[in-house]
Amino acid sequence: MIDKTAIIYGGAAIDPSTDIGPFSVIKDGVRIGKDNKIASHVVIEGNTEIGDGNKIFQFASLGSAPQDLKYKGEDTKLVIGNNNIIREYVTMNPGTVTGNGITTVGDYNLFMMHVHIAHDCVIGSRTVLANNATLAGHIEIQDYVILGGLCAIHQFVRIGESALIAGGSMVVQDIPPYLVASGDRAKIYGINRIGLERRGFPKEEIEKIKNAFKILYRSKVTVKIAVEKIFQEIGGGAQIEKFTDFIINSKRGITR
């Protein structure tokens, strides 16, 4: 169902099962999949691809030009996956040619009011970004991350899987997986035990993560030595390897 007051450009491709509310604008080049619910006064433009089953609330703006002075109108892309909830006044920008050329959003995410996803960001799946969480360009948010309200994340920062960032935090360096961070500038306060338990992590795996955290943050050694100690004292395993690989591959450095 498309409301008679909506404006749909001829170059837009929309599955017939998608609903579009009053006064929404869908411009040329946009591709929208099945069973999406698009409320009133939503603007979707540019080279934007939206999957299936998303709920997009009123006044959201998706695919508008990146807020980057280097952007000169190149044909870059925004790709949004399936079953996301995109609340009021959320903004998402496509990529830039100086970055990846694409901004990507996974599945089953909740973006609360006034969330901003800037150019060249990579958002995983099953994340929660609370009201007014703001991402600069080139940021990676991995699966199951929670960002509290009024968080701001510096460009090129990565937030690891199942990390929890408290409301009002200013994050300027990478946050490793499974940890809790808070403050301006953000500091690490421990592991996200509740989040891991909700995901069904076994107690022994949570204990391994806790011990890895202690080695990295409380043993007063360099990051390189801490990673070596983690392997020596804890061993491998999928979660520990994700934790150490994230640290080893950090370009901005991890939050200490």
C-alpha atoms as a PDB file:
ATOM      1  CA  MET A   1       0.000   0.000   0.000  1.00  0.00           C
ATOM      2  CA  ILE A   2       1.417   3.354  -1.077  1.00  0.00           C
ATOM      3  CA  ASP A   3      -0.325   6.460   0.228  1.00  0.00           C
ATOM      4  CA  LYS A   4      -1.571   8.756  -2.518  1.00  0.00           C
ATOM      5  CA  THR A   5       0.419  11.690  -1.109  1.00  0.00           C
ATOM      6  CA  ALA A   6       3.763   9.831  -1.238  1.00  0.00           C
ATOM      7  CA  ILE A   7       6.148  10.823  -4.042  1.00  0.00           C
ATOM      8  CA  ILE A   8       7.747   7.853  -5.783  1.00  0.00           C
ATOM      9  CA  TYR A   9      10.248   8.638  -8.547  1.00  0.00           C
ATOM     10  CA  GLY A  10      10.098   6.540 -11.705  1.00  0.00           C
ATOM     11  CA  GLY A  11      13.601   5.162 -11.186  1.00  0.00           C
ATOM     12  CA  ALA A  12      12.826   3.636  -7.782  1.00  0.00           C
ATOM     13  CA  ALA A  13      12.276  -0.136  -7.496  1.00  0.00           C
ATOM     14  CA  ILE A  14       9.883  -1.099  -4.677  1.00  0.00           C
ATOM     15  CA  ASP A  15       8.446  -4.523  -3.965  1.00  0.00           C
ATOM     16  CA  PRO A  16       4.608  -4.442  -4.037  1.00  0.00           C
ATOM     17  CA  SER A  17       4.419  -5.867  -0.501  1.00  0.00           C
ATOM     18  CA  THR A  18       6.082  -2.774   1.018  1.00  0.00           C
ATOM     19  CA  ASP A  19       3.885  -0.073   2.589  1.00  0.00           C
ATOM     20  CA  ILE A  20       4.760   3.625   2.205  1.00  0.00           C
ATOM     21  CA  GLY A  21       3.048   6.264   4.322  1.00  0.00           C
ATOM     22  CA  PRO A  22       1.850   9.812   3.630  1.00  0.00           C
ATOM     23  CA  PHE A  23       4.258  12.429   2.233  1.00  0.00           C
ATOM     24  CA  SER A  24       7.240  10.091   2.075  1.00  0.00           C
ATOM     25  CA  VAL A  25       9.671  10.579  -0.834  1.00  0.00           C
ATOM     26  CA  ILE A  26      11.458   7.709  -2.578  1.00  0.00           C
ATOM     27  CA  LYS A  27      13.894   8.960  -5.226  1.00  0.00           C
ATOM     28  CA  ASP A  28      15.508   7.470  -8.332  1.00  0.00           C
ATOM     29  CA  GLY A  29      17.973   4.643  -7.761  1.00  0.00           C
ATOM     30  CA  VAL A  30      16.456   3.412  -4.505  1.00  0.00           C
ATOM     31  CA  ARG A  31      15.714  -0.319  -4.256  1.00  0.00           C
ATOM     32  CA  ILE A  32      13.396  -1.578  -1.501  1.00  0.00           C
ATOM     33  CA  GLY A  33      12.620  -5.233  -0.791  1.00  0.00           C
ATOM     34  CA  LYS A  34       9.657  -7.112   0.657  1.00  0.00           C
ATOM     35  CA  ASP A  35       7.347  -6.373   3.590  1.00  0.00           C
ATOM     36  CA  ASN A  36       8.901  -3.098   4.698  1.00  0.00           C
ATOM     37  CA  LYS A  37       6.807  -0.606   6.653  1.00  0.00           C
ATOM     38  CA  ILE A  38       7.774   2.966   5.806  1.00  0.00           C
ATOM     39  CA  ALA A  39       5.909   5.614   7.794  1.00  0.00           C
ATOM     40  CA  SER A  40       5.071   9.197   6.835  1.00  0.00           C
ATOM     41  CA  HIS A  41       7.580  11.917   5.896  1.00  0.00           C
ATOM     42  CA  VAL A  42      10.474   9.517   5.279  1.00  0.00           C
ATOM     43  CA  VAL A  43      13.037  10.492   2.618  1.00  0.00           C
ATOM     44  CA  ILE A  44      15.054   7.752   0.915  1.00  0.00           C
ATOM     45  CA  GLU A  45      17.415   8.745  -1.870  1.00  0.00           C
ATOM     46  CA  GLY A  46      20.684   8.009  -3.644  1.00  0.00           C
ATOM     47  CA  ASN A  47      22.066   4.569  -4.419  1.00  0.00           C
ATOM     48  CA  THR A  48      20.279   2.998  -1.458  1.00  0.00           C
ATOM     49  CA  GLU A  49      19.343  -0.655  -1.146  1.00  0.00           C
ATOM     50  CA  ILE A  50      16.975  -1.813   1.620  1.00  0.00           C
ATOM     51  CA  GLY A  51      16.265  -5.495   2.310  1.00  0.00           C
ATOM     52  CA  ASP A  52      13.122  -7.085   3.727  1.00  0.00           C
ATOM     53  CA  GLY A  53      10.989  -6.634   6.822  1.00  0.00           C
ATOM     54  CA  ASN A  54      12.356  -3.292   8.013  1.00  0.00           C
ATOM     55  CA  LYS A  55      10.280  -0.782   9.974  1.00  0.00           C
ATOM     56  CA  ILE A  56      11.206   2.821   9.181  1.00  0.00           C
ATOM     57  CA  PHE A  57       9.530   5.471  11.295  1.00  0.00           C
ATOM     58  CA  GLN A  58       8.544   9.016  10.381  1.00  0.00           C
ATOM     59  CA  PHE A  59      11.120  11.675   9.487  1.00  0.00           C
ATOM     60  CA  ALA A  60      14.004   9.253   8.929  1.00  0.00           C
ATOM     61  CA  SER A  61      16.483  10.284   6.208  1.00  0.00           C
ATOM     62  CA  LEU A  62      18.328   7.490   4.411  1.00  0.00           C
ATOM     63  CA  GLY A  63      20.895   7.824   1.616  1.00  0.00           C
ATOM     64  CA  SER A  64      21.406  11.594   1.584  1.00  0.00           C
ATOM     65  CA  ALA A  65      24.846  12.921   0.604  1.00  0.00           C
ATOM     66  CA  PRO A  66      27.659  12.274   3.104  1.00  0.00           C
ATOM     67  CA  GLN A  67      28.581  15.110   5.439  1.00  0.00           C
ATOM     68  CA  ASP A  68      32.115  15.143   4.066  1.00  0.00           C
ATOM     69  CA  LEU A  69      33.588  18.157   2.280  1.00  0.00           C
ATOM     70  CA  LYS A  70      35.579  15.816   0.016  1.00  0.00           C
ATOM     71  CA  TYR A  71      32.393  14.301  -1.374  1.00  0.00           C
ATOM     72  CA  LYS A  72      31.738  15.549  -4.929  1.00  0.00           C
ATOM     73  CA  GLY A  73      28.592  13.652  -5.843  1.00  0.00           C
ATOM     74  CA  GLU A  74      30.189  10.305  -6.666  1.00  0.00           C
ATOM     75  CA  ASP A  75      27.889   7.283  -7.015  1.00  0.00           C
ATOM     76  CA  THR A  76      28.482   5.635  -3.653  1.00  0.00           C
ATOM     77  CA  LYS A  77      26.141   3.316  -1.799  1.00  0.00           C
ATOM     78  CA  LEU A  78      24.077   2.639   1.337  1.00  0.00           C
ATOM     79  CA  VAL A  79      22.984  -0.967   1.961  1.00  0.00           C
ATOM     80  CA  ILE A  80      20.539  -1.811   4.766  1.00  0.00           C
ATOM     81  CA  GLY A  81      19.761  -5.449   5.586  1.00  0.00           C
ATOM     82  CA  ASN A  82      16.643  -7.111   6.961  1.00  0.00           C
ATOM     83  CA  ASN A  83      14.316  -6.685   9.946  1.00  0.00           C
ATOM     84  CA  ASN A  84      15.842  -3.481  11.275  1.00  0.00           C
ATOM     85  CA  ILE A  85      13.886  -0.932  13.315  1.00  0.00           C
ATOM     86  CA  ILE A  86      14.807   2.611  12.300  1.00  0.00           C
ATOM     87  CA  ARG A  87      13.137   5.141  14.558  1.00  0.00           C
ATOM     88  CA  GLU A  88      12.294   8.844  14.152  1.00  0.00           C
ATOM     89  CA  TYR A  89      14.915  11.253  12.736  1.00  0.00           C
ATOM     90  CA  VAL A  90      17.548   8.576  12.150  1.00  0.00           C
ATOM     91  CA  THR A  91      20.036   9.578   9.438  1.00  0.00           C
ATOM     92  CA  MET A  92      22.222   7.209   7.413  1.00  0.00           C
ATOM     93  CA  ASN A  93      24.691   8.380   4.748  1.00  0.00           C
ATOM     94  CA  PRO A  94      26.272   6.397   1.906  1.00  0.00           C
ATOM     95  CA  GLY A  95      29.998   5.811   1.583  1.00  0.00           C
ATOM     96  CA  THR A  96      32.654   7.948  -0.073  1.00  0.00           C
ATOM     97  CA  VAL A  97      35.326   7.163  -2.672  1.00  0.00           C
ATOM     98  CA  THR A  98      38.019   7.985  -0.122  1.00  0.00           C
ATOM     99  CA  GLY A  99      36.612   5.262   2.105  1.00  0.00           C
ATOM    100  CA  ASN A 100      34.986   1.979   1.146  1.00  0.00           C
ATOM    101  CA  GLY A 101      32.456   3.580  -1.167  1.00  0.00           C
ATOM    102  CA  ILE A 102      29.695   1.925   0.838  1.00  0.00           C
ATOM    103  CA  THR A 103      27.935   2.136   4.200  1.00  0.00           C
ATOM    104  CA  THR A 104      26.491  -1.189   5.330  1.00  0.00           C
ATOM    105  CA  VAL A 105      23.924  -2.092   7.996  1.00  0.00           C
ATOM    106  CA  GLY A 106      23.218  -5.712   8.948  1.00  0.00           C
ATOM    107  CA  ASP A 107      20.061  -7.349  10.284  1.00  0.00           C
ATOM    108  CA  TYR A 108      17.822  -7.106  13.383  1.00  0.00           C
ATOM    109  CA  ASN A 109      19.289  -3.813  14.604  1.00  0.00           C
ATOM    110  CA  LEU A 110      17.458  -1.170  16.637  1.00  0.00           C
ATOM    111  CA  PHE A 111      18.324   2.443  15.868  1.00  0.00           C
ATOM    112  CA  MET A 112      16.520   4.724  18.308  1.00  0.00           C
ATOM    113  CA  MET A 113      15.603   8.360  17.686  1.00  0.00           C
ATOM    114  CA  HIS A 114      18.203  10.762  16.240  1.00  0.00           C
ATOM    115  CA  VAL A 115      20.880   8.112  15.685  1.00  0.00           C
ATOM    116  CA  HIS A 116      23.389   9.164  13.005  1.00  0.00           C
ATOM    117  CA  ILE A 117      25.303   6.658  10.851  1.00  0.00           C
ATOM    118  CA  ALA A 118      27.946   8.530   8.854  1.00  0.00           C
ATOM    119  CA  HIS A 119      29.708   7.602   5.614  1.00  0.00           C
ATOM    120  CA  ASP A 120      31.672   4.362   5.216  1.00  0.00           C
ATOM    121  CA  CYS A 121      30.435   2.850   8.487  1.00  0.00           C
ATOM    122  CA  VAL A 122      29.978  -0.908   8.863  1.00  0.00           C
ATOM    123  CA  ILE A 123      27.238  -1.952  11.286  1.00  0.00           C
ATOM    124  CA  GLY A 124      26.823  -5.610  12.185  1.00  0.00           C
ATOM    125  CA  SER A 125      23.652  -7.362  13.304  1.00  0.00           C
ATOM    126  CA  ARG A 126      21.537  -7.354  16.482  1.00  0.00           C
ATOM    127  CA  THR A 127      22.999  -4.100  17.744  1.00  0.00           C
ATOM    128  CA  VAL A 128      21.160  -1.435  19.752  1.00  0.00           C
ATOM    129  CA  LEU A 129      22.037   2.228  19.270  1.00  0.00           C
ATOM    130  CA  ALA A 130      20.100   4.315  21.779  1.00  0.00           C
ATOM    131  CA  ASN A 131      18.783   7.851  21.314  1.00  0.00           C
ATOM    132  CA  ASN A 132      21.272  10.345  19.851  1.00  0.00           C
ATOM    133  CA  ALA A 133      24.123   7.873  19.458  1.00  0.00           C
ATOM    134  CA  THR A 134      26.399   9.427  16.852  1.00  0.00           C
ATOM    135  CA  LEU A 135      28.919   7.703  14.599  1.00  0.00           C
ATOM    136  CA  ALA A 136      31.560   9.589  12.643  1.00  0.00           C
ATOM    137  CA  GLY A 137      32.856   8.171   9.351  1.00  0.00           C
ATOM    138  CA  HIS A 138      34.634   4.846   8.788  1.00  0.00           C
ATOM    139  CA  ILE A 139      33.440   3.256  12.054  1.00  0.00           C
ATOM    140  CA  GLU A 140      32.916  -0.477  12.548  1.00  0.00           C
ATOM    141  CA  ILE A 141      30.261  -1.667  15.002  1.00  0.00           C
ATOM    142  CA  GLN A 142      30.342  -5.449  15.393  1.00  0.00           C
ATOM    143  CA  ASP A 143      27.448  -7.776  16.255  1.00  0.00           C
ATOM    144  CA  TYR A 144      25.492  -7.470  19.532  1.00  0.00           C
ATOM    145  CA  VAL A 145      27.020  -4.095  20.475  1.00  0.00           C
ATOM    146  CA  ILE A 146      24.957  -1.734  22.634  1.00  0.00           C
ATOM    147  CA  LEU A 147      25.601   2.018  22.508  1.00  0.00           C
ATOM    148  CA  GLY A 148      23.910   4.075  25.232  1.00  0.00           C
ATOM    149  CA  GLY A 149      22.179   7.370  24.585  1.00  0.00           C
ATOM    150  CA  LEU A 150      24.270  10.408  23.628  1.00  0.00           C
ATOM    151  CA  CYS A 151      27.373   8.345  22.812  1.00  0.00           C
ATOM    152  CA  ALA A 152      29.797   9.788  20.269  1.00  0.00           C
ATOM    153  CA  ILE A 153      32.285   7.569  18.432  1.00  0.00           C
ATOM    154  CA  HIS A 154      35.409   9.036  16.782  1.00  0.00           C
ATOM    155  CA  GLN A 155      36.096   8.288  13.126  1.00  0.00           C
ATOM    156  CA  PHE A 156      37.901   5.022  12.289  1.00  0.00           C
ATOM    157  CA  VAL A 157      37.127   3.526  15.717  1.00  0.00           C
ATOM    158  CA  ARG A 158      36.008  -0.116  15.985  1.00  0.00           C
ATOM    159  CA  ILE A 159      33.633  -1.413  18.662  1.00  0.00           C
ATOM    160  CA  GLY A 160      34.043  -5.145  19.241  1.00  0.00           C
ATOM    161  CA  GLU A 161      31.355  -7.806  19.445  1.00  0.00           C
ATOM    162  CA  SER A 162      29.054  -7.697  22.506  1.00  0.00           C
ATOM    163  CA  ALA A 163      30.689  -4.558  23.879  1.00  0.00           C
ATOM    164  CA  LEU A 164      28.537  -2.213  25.958  1.00  0.00           C
ATOM    165  CA  ILE A 165      29.177   1.544  25.831  1.00  0.00           C
ATOM    166  CA  ALA A 166      27.464   3.515  28.598  1.00  0.00           C
ATOM    167  CA  GLY A 167      25.340   6.562  27.832  1.00  0.00           C
ATOM    168  CA  GLY A 168      27.152   9.844  27.292  1.00  0.00           C
ATOM    169  CA  SER A 169      30.495   8.220  26.501  1.00  0.00           C
ATOM    170  CA  MET A 170      33.029   9.772  24.130  1.00  0.00           C
ATOM    171  CA  VAL A 171      34.997   6.960  22.467  1.00  0.00           C
ATOM    172  CA  VAL A 172      38.256   7.814  20.689  1.00  0.00           C
ATOM    173  CA  GLN A 173      40.000   4.417  20.534  1.00  0.00           C
ATOM    174  CA  ASP A 174      38.914   0.857  19.792  1.00  0.00           C
ATOM    175  CA  ILE A 175      36.829  -1.045  22.354  1.00  0.00           C
ATOM    176  CA  PRO A 176      37.713  -4.780  22.366  1.00  0.00           C
ATOM    177  CA  PRO A 177      34.938  -7.391  22.263  1.00  0.00           C
ATOM    178  CA  TYR A 178      32.912  -8.322  25.361  1.00  0.00           C
ATOM    179  CA  LEU A 179      33.904  -5.294  27.452  1.00  0.00           C
ATOM    180  CA  VAL A 180      32.099  -2.394  29.146  1.00  0.00           C
ATOM    181  CA  ALA A 181      33.286   1.168  28.549  1.00  0.00           C
ATOM    182  CA  SER A 182      32.141   4.496  29.957  1.00  0.00           C
ATOM    183  CA  GLY A 183      33.202   8.094  30.300  1.00  0.00           C
ATOM    184  CA  ASP A 184      34.668  11.104  28.521  1.00  0.00           C
ATOM    185  CA  ARG A 185      37.127   9.913  27.267  1.00  0.00           C
ATOM    186  CA  ALA A 186      35.879   6.365  27.611  1.00  0.00           C
ATOM    187  CA  LYS A 187      37.677   3.899  29.881  1.00  0.00           C
ATOM    188  CA  ILE A 188      37.225   0.161  30.303  1.00  0.00           C
ATOM    189  CA  TYR A 189      35.429  -1.021  33.445  1.00  0.00           C
ATOM    190  CA  GLY A 190      35.163  -4.797  33.034  1.00  0.00           C
ATOM    191  CA  ILE A 191      33.451  -7.452  30.950  1.00  0.00           C
ATOM    192  CA  ASN A 192      29.866  -7.322  29.726  1.00  0.00           C
ATOM    193  CA  ARG A 193      28.871 -10.358  31.796  1.00  0.00           C
ATOM    194  CA  ILE A 194      25.113  -9.791  31.581  1.00  0.00           C
ATOM    195  CA  GLY A 195      25.257  -9.397  27.818  1.00  0.00           C
ATOM    196  CA  LEU A 196      27.280 -12.592  27.456  1.00  0.00           C
ATOM    197  CA  GLU A 197      24.911 -14.517  29.724  1.00  0.00           C
ATOM    198  CA  ARG A 198      21.930 -13.311  27.686  1.00  0.00           C
ATOM    199  CA  ARG A 199      23.636 -14.625  24.553  1.00  0.00           C
ATOM    200  CA  GLY A 200      23.987 -18.018  26.224  1.00  0.00           C
ATOM    201  CA  PHE A 201      27.758 -18.050  26.670  1.00  0.00           C
ATOM    202  CA  PRO A 202      28.786 -20.957  28.946  1.00  0.00           C
ATOM    203  CA  LYS A 203      30.162 -20.006  32.368  1.00  0.00           C
ATOM    204  CA  GLU A 204      33.576 -21.402  31.520  1.00  0.00           C
ATOM    205  CA  GLU A 205      33.806 -19.200  28.407  1.00  0.00           C
ATOM    206  CA  ILE A 206      32.800 -16.123  30.389  1.00  0.00           C
ATOM    207  CA  GLU A 207      35.472 -16.995  32.942  1.00  0.00           C
ATOM    208  CA  LYS A 208      38.068 -17.231  30.153  1.00  0.00           C
ATOM    209  CA  ILE A 209      37.057 -13.789  28.881  1.00  0.00           C
ATOM    210  CA  LYS A 210      37.255 -12.402  32.419  1.00  0.00           C
ATOM    211  CA  ASN A 211      40.765 -13.787  32.862  1.00  0.00           C
ATOM    212  CA  ALA A 212      41.844 -12.400  29.467  1.00  0.00           C
ATOM    213  CA  PHE A 213      40.516  -9.003  30.535  1.00  0.00           C
ATOM    214  CA  LYS A 214      42.529  -9.157  33.760  1.00  0.00           C
ATOM    215  CA  ILE A 215      45.725 -10.006  31.907  1.00  0.00           C
ATOM    216  CA  LEU A 216      45.238  -7.166  29.412  1.00  0.00           C
ATOM    217  CA  TYR A 217      44.112  -4.465  31.825  1.00  0.00           C
ATOM    218  CA  ARG A 218      45.532  -5.334  35.246  1.00  0.00           C
ATOM    219  CA  SER A 219      48.874  -7.065  34.707  1.00  0.00           C
ATOM    220  CA  LYS A 220      50.707  -3.789  33.914  1.00  0.00           C
ATOM    221  CA  VAL A 221      52.454  -5.125  30.819  1.00  0.00           C
ATOM    222  CA  THR A 222      52.449  -3.962  27.208  1.00  0.00           C
ATOM    223  CA  VAL A 223      49.629  -4.995  24.895  1.00  0.00           C
ATOM    224  CA  LYS A 224      51.948  -7.282  22.934  1.00  0.00           C
ATOM    225  CA  ILE A 225      53.095  -9.102  26.062  1.00  0.00           C
ATOM    226  CA  ALA A 226      49.515  -9.271  27.377  1.00  0.00           C
ATOM    227  CA  VAL A 227      48.349 -11.020  24.204  1.00  0.00           C
ATOM    228  CA  GLU A 228      51.183 -13.528  24.534  1.00  0.00           C
ATOM    229  CA  LYS A 229      50.266 -14.162  28.166  1.00  0.00           C
ATOM    230  CA  ILE A 230      46.620 -14.705  27.244  1.00  0.00           C
ATOM    231  CA  PHE A 231      47.561 -17.506  24.848  1.00  0.00           C
ATOM    232  CA  GLN A 232      50.039 -18.995  27.325  1.00  0.00           C
ATOM    233  CA  GLU A 233      47.745 -18.944  30.352  1.00  0.00           C
ATOM    234  CA  ILE A 234      44.253 -19.335  28.828  1.00  0.00           C
ATOM    235  CA  GLY A 235      44.816 -20.969  25.473  1.00  0.00           C
ATOM    236  CA  GLY A 236      42.680 -20.558  22.391  1.00  0.00           C
ATOM    237  CA  GLY A 237      38.981 -20.927  21.661  1.00  0.00           C
ATOM    238  CA  ALA A 238      36.672 -18.923  19.415  1.00  0.00           C
ATOM    239  CA  GLN A 239      35.958 -16.105  21.880  1.00  0.00           C
ATOM    240  CA  ILE A 240      39.559 -15.679  23.022  1.00  0.00           C
ATOM    241  CA  GLU A 241      40.751 -15.639  19.431  1.00  0.00           C
ATOM    242  CA  LYS A 242      38.197 -12.959  18.529  1.00  0.00           C
ATOM    243  CA  PHE A 243      39.382 -10.957  21.529  1.00  0.00           C
ATOM    244  CA  THR A 244      43.091 -11.205  20.710  1.00  0.00           C
ATOM    245  CA  ASP A 245      42.672 -10.813  16.915  1.00  0.00           C
ATOM    246  CA  PHE A 246      40.733  -7.608  17.475  1.00  0.00           C
ATOM    247  CA  ILE A 247      43.542  -6.233  19.654  1.00  0.00           C
ATOM    248  CA  ILE A 248      46.319  -7.298  17.274  1.00  0.00           C
ATOM    249  CA  ASN A 249      44.554  -5.694  14.285  1.00  0.00           C
ATOM    250  CA  SER A 250      43.761  -2.393  16.006  1.00  0.00           C
ATOM    251  CA  LYS A 251      45.037   0.626  14.063  1.00  0.00           C
ATOM    252  CA  ARG A 252      43.946   3.389  16.438  1.00  0.00           C
ATOM    253  CA  GLY A 253      44.973   1.446  19.498  1.00  0.00           C
ATOM    254  CA  ILE A 254      42.635   0.020  22.117  1.00  0.00           C
ATOM    255  CA  THR A 255      41.031   1.903  24.971  1.00  0.00           C
ATOM    256  CA  ARG A 256      43.124   1.189  28.092  1.00  0.00           C
END
